[in-house]
Amino acid sequence: MKNTNDTNVLSKNTKKTGVSASMAKSPFHKLFVDGLKDIYWAEKHLVKELPKMSKNATSEELKSAIDGHLEETKGHVERLESVFENLGLKPQAKKCEAMAGLTKEAAEIMEETESDTMVRDCGIIMAAQKVEHYEIATYGCLTEWAKQMGHREAAKLLYATLEEEKAADQKLTDVAENDINEEGMEE
């Protein structure tokens, strides 16, 4: 099922963006644009959900890691808007069922664990790393697809976010290994 609106916009902007009319109509390019819409929704959703995780965290180190990533996530939203504009498209979100499910699971973990405990922090870290792994997989694919289609600027922007997502995942691992997992096990 083709979205002719995206195809028409892309066709009109071929000279500006370097996206050929045939590329704009290709199923592969449509998949790429759909992936952008999906992760755009996911990032905007995370801007609303990360503060809830931070508020429920006990460890100051975990709160700081989540708050720092919240600021990066706001930048990811802006960077995705730049990717859309670079392709000659208006930024558009499409509900990401995967991210909706991951954040619902995070909410359930926080609800089912006792407040002010390292057990809850362990659960928050697990939920946050699931989010990061989803984002790493998505940005990895989108970066490579952009390269394949010759969208060099889009690939560069997507790659920058991919690297930040990997760093956020590593930060969460470091936080967990700095006694939170051990303290959670002892509670």
Protein backbone atom coordinates (compact mmCIF):
# COMPACT_ATOMS: atom_id res chain seq x y z
CA MET A 1 0.00 0.00 0.00
CA LYS A 2 1.72 3.17 -1.18
CA ASN A 3 1.50 6.47 0.59
CA THR A 4 1.27 8.72 -2.44
CA ASN A 5 1.47 11.84 -0.29
CA ASP A 6 5.09 11.03 0.69
CA THR A 7 5.90 10.02 -2.89
CA ASN A 8 4.50 13.27 -4.32
CA VAL A 9 6.37 15.41 -1.81
CA LEU A 10 9.59 13.51 -2.47
CA SER A 11 9.15 13.79 -6.24
CA LYS A 12 8.69 17.56 -6.00
CA ASN A 13 11.80 17.90 -3.85
CA THR A 14 14.14 15.70 -5.90
CA LYS A 15 16.44 18.56 -6.89
CA LYS A 16 16.60 19.95 -3.36
CA THR A 17 17.25 16.64 -1.58
CA GLY A 18 18.86 14.41 -4.16
CA VAL A 19 16.07 11.83 -3.79
CA SER A 20 15.23 10.66 -7.29
CA ALA A 21 11.62 10.16 -8.34
CA SER A 22 12.24 6.44 -8.78
CA MET A 23 13.85 6.20 -5.34
CA ALA A 24 10.94 8.09 -3.79
CA LYS A 25 8.55 5.49 -5.21
CA SER A 26 10.60 2.44 -4.24
CA PRO A 27 9.27 0.05 -1.57
CA PHE A 28 12.69 0.19 0.13
CA HIS A 29 12.54 3.98 0.47
CA LYS A 30 8.97 3.73 1.77
CA LEU A 31 10.17 1.25 4.40
CA PHE A 32 12.92 3.70 5.35
CA VAL A 33 10.48 6.61 5.70
CA ASP A 34 8.07 4.43 7.70
CA GLY A 35 10.99 3.53 9.99
CA LEU A 36 11.73 7.22 10.48
CA LYS A 37 8.09 7.92 11.35
CA ASP A 38 8.10 5.02 13.82
CA ILE A 39 11.26 6.08 15.67
CA TYR A 40 10.14 9.72 15.62
CA TRP A 41 7.00 8.71 17.53
CA ALA A 42 9.11 6.55 19.85
CA GLU A 43 11.52 9.37 20.70
CA LYS A 44 8.70 11.84 21.33
CA HIS A 45 7.01 9.24 23.54
CA LEU A 46 10.21 8.72 25.51
CA VAL A 47 10.42 12.43 26.24
CA LYS A 48 7.19 11.92 28.20
CA GLU A 49 8.10 8.56 29.76
CA LEU A 50 11.72 9.01 30.89
CA PRO A 51 10.79 11.53 33.64
CA LYS A 52 8.51 8.87 35.16
CA MET A 53 11.41 6.42 35.29
CA SER A 54 13.68 9.04 36.85
CA LYS A 55 11.06 9.97 39.45
CA ASN A 56 10.71 6.30 40.45
CA ALA A 57 14.45 5.62 40.67
CA THR A 58 16.09 5.48 44.09
CA SER A 59 19.76 5.82 43.17
CA GLU A 60 20.97 9.32 42.37
CA GLU A 61 23.34 7.79 39.82
CA LEU A 62 20.42 6.15 37.99
CA LYS A 63 18.33 9.32 38.16
CA SER A 64 21.24 11.28 36.71
CA ALA A 65 21.73 8.75 33.89
CA ILE A 66 18.04 8.86 32.96
CA ASP A 67 17.87 12.67 33.19
CA GLY A 68 20.97 12.99 31.02
CA HIS A 69 19.49 10.69 28.43
CA LEU A 70 16.23 12.64 28.51
CA GLU A 71 18.12 15.70 27.32
CA GLU A 72 19.78 13.63 24.59
CA THR A 73 16.37 12.24 23.61
CA LYS A 74 15.03 15.76 23.10
CA GLY A 75 18.00 16.25 20.75
CA HIS A 76 17.13 12.99 18.97
CA VAL A 77 13.67 14.37 18.22
CA GLU A 78 15.24 17.51 16.72
CA ARG A 79 17.78 15.47 14.78
CA LEU A 80 15.01 13.32 13.30
CA GLU A 81 13.19 16.49 12.27
CA SER A 82 16.37 17.47 10.43
CA VAL A 83 16.45 14.08 8.72
CA PHE A 84 12.86 14.51 7.52
CA GLU A 85 13.62 18.03 6.28
CA ASN A 86 16.78 16.79 4.56
CA LEU A 87 14.63 14.31 2.65
CA GLY A 88 12.10 17.00 1.75
CA LEU A 89 9.46 15.61 4.10
CA LYS A 90 7.44 17.14 6.88
CA PRO A 91 8.25 15.38 10.17
CA GLN A 92 5.50 12.87 10.82
CA ALA A 93 5.06 10.32 13.59
CA LYS A 94 3.50 6.88 13.31
CA LYS A 95 2.73 5.08 16.57
CA CYS A 96 5.50 2.69 17.48
CA GLU A 97 3.77 -0.30 19.02
CA ALA A 98 7.11 -1.71 20.16
CA MET A 99 8.03 1.40 22.15
CA ALA A 100 4.50 1.67 23.52
CA GLY A 101 4.87 -1.91 24.76
CA LEU A 102 8.32 -1.35 26.22
CA THR A 103 7.24 1.72 28.17
CA LYS A 104 4.10 -0.08 29.36
CA GLU A 105 6.33 -2.86 30.65
CA ALA A 106 8.50 -0.27 32.43
CA ALA A 107 5.40 1.17 34.11
CA GLU A 108 4.36 -2.31 35.23
CA ILE A 109 7.80 -2.98 36.69
CA MET A 110 7.66 0.25 38.65
CA GLU A 111 4.16 -0.54 39.86
CA GLU A 112 5.03 -4.10 40.90
CA THR A 113 8.21 -3.25 42.83
CA GLU A 114 8.48 -1.52 46.17
CA SER A 115 9.38 2.18 46.04
CA ASP A 116 12.75 3.40 47.27
CA THR A 117 14.44 0.05 46.68
CA MET A 118 17.36 -1.11 44.62
CA VAL A 119 15.12 -3.92 43.33
CA ARG A 120 13.00 -1.25 41.61
CA ASP A 121 16.17 0.38 40.26
CA CYS A 122 17.29 -2.99 38.86
CA GLY A 123 13.92 -3.27 37.11
CA ILE A 124 14.12 0.28 35.78
CA ILE A 125 17.59 -0.41 34.39
CA MET A 126 16.35 -3.57 32.68
CA ALA A 127 13.38 -1.72 31.17
CA ALA A 128 15.56 1.19 30.06
CA GLN A 129 18.09 -1.14 28.44
CA LYS A 130 15.32 -2.88 26.52
CA VAL A 131 14.36 0.56 25.18
CA GLU A 132 17.99 1.30 24.28
CA HIS A 133 18.41 -2.03 22.48
CA TYR A 134 15.29 -1.35 20.42
CA GLU A 135 16.60 2.07 19.51
CA ILE A 136 20.07 0.72 18.68
CA ALA A 137 18.55 -1.85 16.33
CA THR A 138 16.34 0.76 14.67
CA TYR A 139 19.01 3.42 14.25
CA GLY A 140 21.50 0.81 13.03
CA CYS A 141 19.15 -0.27 10.24
CA LEU A 142 18.09 3.27 9.32
CA THR A 143 21.70 4.44 9.17
CA GLU A 144 22.69 1.62 6.82
CA TRP A 145 19.61 2.06 4.66
CA ALA A 146 20.30 5.78 4.34
CA LYS A 147 23.88 4.98 3.26
CA GLN A 148 22.62 2.44 0.70
CA MET A 149 20.29 5.00 -0.85
CA GLY A 150 22.91 7.73 -0.89
CA HIS A 151 21.25 9.88 1.78
CA ARG A 152 24.62 10.90 3.19
CA GLU A 153 23.43 13.71 5.47
CA ALA A 154 20.57 11.59 6.85
CA ALA A 155 23.00 8.72 7.46
CA LYS A 156 25.36 11.05 9.33
CA LEU A 157 22.55 12.35 11.55
CA LEU A 158 21.16 8.88 12.23
CA TYR A 159 24.63 7.53 13.02
CA ALA A 160 25.18 10.29 15.59
CA THR A 161 22.02 9.19 17.39
CA LEU A 162 23.02 5.53 17.11
CA GLU A 163 26.28 6.30 18.91
CA GLU A 164 24.45 8.20 21.67
CA GLU A 165 22.05 5.28 22.15
CA LYS A 166 24.98 2.87 22.47
CA ALA A 167 26.60 5.18 25.04
CA ALA A 168 23.34 5.40 27.01
CA ASP A 169 23.11 1.61 27.08
CA GLN A 170 26.69 1.36 28.35
CA LYS A 171 25.99 4.01 30.99
CA LEU A 172 23.07 1.94 32.27
CA THR A 173 25.30 -1.14 32.42
CA ASP A 174 27.89 0.82 34.38
CA VAL A 175 25.24 2.11 36.80
CA ALA A 176 23.92 -1.42 37.35
CA GLU A 177 27.39 -2.80 37.94
CA ASN A 178 28.24 -0.01 40.42
CA ASP A 179 26.48 -1.85 43.24
CA ILE A 180 22.80 -1.48 42.24
CA ASN A 181 22.51 -5.09 41.10
CA GLU A 182 24.34 -6.32 44.21
CA GLU A 183 22.27 -4.14 46.56
CA GLY A 184 19.07 -5.25 44.83
CA MET A 185 20.00 -8.89 45.34
CA GLU A 186 20.59 -8.26 49.06
CA GLU A 187 17.23 -6.59 49.71
